[in-house]
Amino acid sequence: MATNTTRKPITPTTLTAAELADFLVEQVVPLRALFHSGNPDTQTGSVVVHDGVMDIAKALRAGEIAPVVAQVRLVGINRRAARYYVRTITAHRPA
């Protein structure tokens, strides 16, 4: 059975690569507290999301990827995060 998914357009971030990397790291650092959670889904999800976002931040700082590419990769990470009931990571600072 095919699943109908509606694709949302990605609004490019106004942050530079370095600013985006810093903002992403700010969001995932609290996930480290969940690494030893008693709930195995939360534990696994926090590690998966943390490691994925840290890889993106490292690539942004090295200039290997553009901020818009990082946003596309975040879509995949956030889909995995939803499976484990872990918070969503965003590329936009709240207004």
C-alpha atoms as a PDB file:
ATOM      1  CA  MET A   1       0.000   0.000   0.000  1.00  0.00           C
ATOM      2  CA  ALA A   2       1.449   3.359  -1.044  1.00  0.00           C
ATOM      3  CA  THR A   3       1.609   6.181   1.437  1.00  0.00           C
ATOM      4  CA  ASN A   4       0.644   9.674   0.392  1.00  0.00           C
ATOM      5  CA  THR A   5       2.934  12.197   1.987  1.00  0.00           C
ATOM      6  CA  THR A   6       2.688  15.888   1.436  1.00  0.00           C
ATOM      7  CA  ARG A   7       6.047  17.502   0.948  1.00  0.00           C
ATOM      8  CA  LYS A   8       6.502  20.838   2.580  1.00  0.00           C
ATOM      9  CA  PRO A   9       8.776  23.340   0.882  1.00  0.00           C
ATOM     10  CA  ILE A  10      12.013  24.030   2.708  1.00  0.00           C
ATOM     11  CA  THR A  11      12.456  27.689   3.562  1.00  0.00           C
ATOM     12  CA  PRO A  12      16.174  28.465   3.348  1.00  0.00           C
ATOM     13  CA  THR A  13      17.671  29.568   6.640  1.00  0.00           C
ATOM     14  CA  THR A  14      19.117  33.054   6.999  1.00  0.00           C
ATOM     15  CA  LEU A  15      21.918  31.744   9.225  1.00  0.00           C
ATOM     16  CA  THR A  16      25.467  31.340   7.954  1.00  0.00           C
ATOM     17  CA  ALA A  17      27.058  27.905   8.056  1.00  0.00           C
ATOM     18  CA  ALA A  18      28.922  28.669  11.299  1.00  0.00           C
ATOM     19  CA  GLU A  19      25.832  30.169  12.957  1.00  0.00           C
ATOM     20  CA  LEU A  20      23.710  27.196  11.884  1.00  0.00           C
ATOM     21  CA  ALA A  21      26.294  24.745  13.222  1.00  0.00           C
ATOM     22  CA  ASP A  22      26.309  26.532  16.587  1.00  0.00           C
ATOM     23  CA  PHE A  23      22.506  26.623  16.706  1.00  0.00           C
ATOM     24  CA  LEU A  24      22.227  22.908  15.910  1.00  0.00           C
ATOM     25  CA  VAL A  25      24.743  22.028  18.624  1.00  0.00           C
ATOM     26  CA  GLU A  26      22.804  24.161  21.142  1.00  0.00           C
ATOM     27  CA  GLN A  27      19.714  22.074  20.425  1.00  0.00           C
ATOM     28  CA  VAL A  28      21.292  18.622  20.676  1.00  0.00           C
ATOM     29  CA  VAL A  29      23.528  19.069  23.713  1.00  0.00           C
ATOM     30  CA  PRO A  30      20.566  18.481  26.095  1.00  0.00           C
ATOM     31  CA  LEU A  31      19.989  15.102  24.412  1.00  0.00           C
ATOM     32  CA  ARG A  32      23.179  13.810  26.030  1.00  0.00           C
ATOM     33  CA  ALA A  33      21.253  13.594  29.313  1.00  0.00           C
ATOM     34  CA  LEU A  34      19.004  10.980  27.699  1.00  0.00           C
ATOM     35  CA  PHE A  35      21.877   8.669  26.660  1.00  0.00           C
ATOM     36  CA  HIS A  36      21.349   6.623  29.839  1.00  0.00           C
ATOM     37  CA  SER A  37      17.562   6.802  29.920  1.00  0.00           C
ATOM     38  CA  GLY A  38      15.666   3.837  31.305  1.00  0.00           C
ATOM     39  CA  ASN A  39      13.505   3.842  28.184  1.00  0.00           C
ATOM     40  CA  PRO A  40      15.399   2.033  25.386  1.00  0.00           C
ATOM     41  CA  ASP A  41      13.606   3.961  22.621  1.00  0.00           C
ATOM     42  CA  THR A  42      14.489   7.306  24.163  1.00  0.00           C
ATOM     43  CA  GLN A  43      18.047   6.169  24.733  1.00  0.00           C
ATOM     44  CA  THR A  44      18.529   4.960  21.148  1.00  0.00           C
ATOM     45  CA  GLY A  45      16.723   7.941  19.635  1.00  0.00           C
ATOM     46  CA  SER A  46      18.748  10.499  21.551  1.00  0.00           C
ATOM     47  CA  VAL A  47      22.031   8.911  20.447  1.00  0.00           C
ATOM     48  CA  VAL A  48      20.915   8.643  16.794  1.00  0.00           C
ATOM     49  CA  VAL A  49      19.704  12.249  16.650  1.00  0.00           C
ATOM     50  CA  HIS A  50      22.694  13.634  18.585  1.00  0.00           C
ATOM     51  CA  ASP A  51      25.261  11.858  16.426  1.00  0.00           C
ATOM     52  CA  GLY A  52      23.491  12.763  13.167  1.00  0.00           C
ATOM     53  CA  VAL A  53      23.235  16.444  14.034  1.00  0.00           C
ATOM     54  CA  MET A  54      26.825  16.592  15.299  1.00  0.00           C
ATOM     55  CA  ASP A  55      27.981  15.169  11.948  1.00  0.00           C
ATOM     56  CA  ILE A  56      26.033  17.912  10.146  1.00  0.00           C
ATOM     57  CA  ALA A  57      27.524  20.590  12.417  1.00  0.00           C
ATOM     58  CA  LYS A  58      31.027  19.278  11.793  1.00  0.00           C
ATOM     59  CA  ALA A  59      30.471  19.329   8.017  1.00  0.00           C
ATOM     60  CA  LEU A  60      29.050  22.868   8.176  1.00  0.00           C
ATOM     61  CA  ARG A  61      32.056  24.131  10.119  1.00  0.00           C
ATOM     62  CA  ALA A  62      34.450  22.465   7.681  1.00  0.00           C
ATOM     63  CA  GLY A  63      32.648  24.031   4.726  1.00  0.00           C
ATOM     64  CA  GLU A  64      31.808  20.630   3.246  1.00  0.00           C
ATOM     65  CA  ILE A  65      28.068  21.338   2.960  1.00  0.00           C
ATOM     66  CA  ALA A  66      25.886  24.414   2.519  1.00  0.00           C
ATOM     67  CA  PRO A  67      23.236  25.383   5.080  1.00  0.00           C
ATOM     68  CA  VAL A  68      20.415  24.369   2.715  1.00  0.00           C
ATOM     69  CA  VAL A  69      21.940  20.888   2.371  1.00  0.00           C
ATOM     70  CA  ALA A  70      22.054  20.673   6.157  1.00  0.00           C
ATOM     71  CA  GLN A  71      18.349  21.526   6.262  1.00  0.00           C
ATOM     72  CA  VAL A  72      17.551  18.676   3.858  1.00  0.00           C
ATOM     73  CA  ARG A  73      19.559  16.267   6.014  1.00  0.00           C
ATOM     74  CA  LEU A  74      17.684  17.497   9.092  1.00  0.00           C
ATOM     75  CA  VAL A  75      14.434  16.341   7.499  1.00  0.00           C
ATOM     76  CA  GLY A  76      15.693  12.756   7.586  1.00  0.00           C
ATOM     77  CA  ILE A  77      17.032  13.096  11.120  1.00  0.00           C
ATOM     78  CA  ASN A  78      13.728  14.536  12.319  1.00  0.00           C
ATOM     79  CA  ARG A  79      11.832  11.627  10.755  1.00  0.00           C
ATOM     80  CA  ARG A  80      14.018   9.236  12.738  1.00  0.00           C
ATOM     81  CA  ALA A  81      13.572  11.382  15.852  1.00  0.00           C
ATOM     82  CA  ALA A  82       9.791  11.095  15.527  1.00  0.00           C
ATOM     83  CA  ARG A  83      10.032   7.292  15.536  1.00  0.00           C
ATOM     84  CA  TYR A  84      11.840   7.423  18.858  1.00  0.00           C
ATOM     85  CA  TYR A  85       9.741  10.263  20.325  1.00  0.00           C
ATOM     86  CA  VAL A  86      12.757  12.570  20.533  1.00  0.00           C
ATOM     87  CA  ARG A  87      12.497  16.331  20.001  1.00  0.00           C
ATOM     88  CA  THR A  88      12.587  17.907  16.555  1.00  0.00           C
ATOM     89  CA  ILE A  89      15.715  19.849  15.605  1.00  0.00           C
ATOM     90  CA  THR A  90      15.129  23.064  13.639  1.00  0.00           C
ATOM     91  CA  ALA A  91      17.313  25.232  11.397  1.00  0.00           C
ATOM     92  CA  HIS A  92      15.500  28.475  12.179  1.00  0.00           C
ATOM     93  CA  ARG A  93      15.862  30.550  15.319  1.00  0.00           C
ATOM     94  CA  PRO A  94      12.489  31.485  16.831  1.00  0.00           C
ATOM     95  CA  ALA A  95      11.473  35.068  16.146  1.00  0.00           C
END
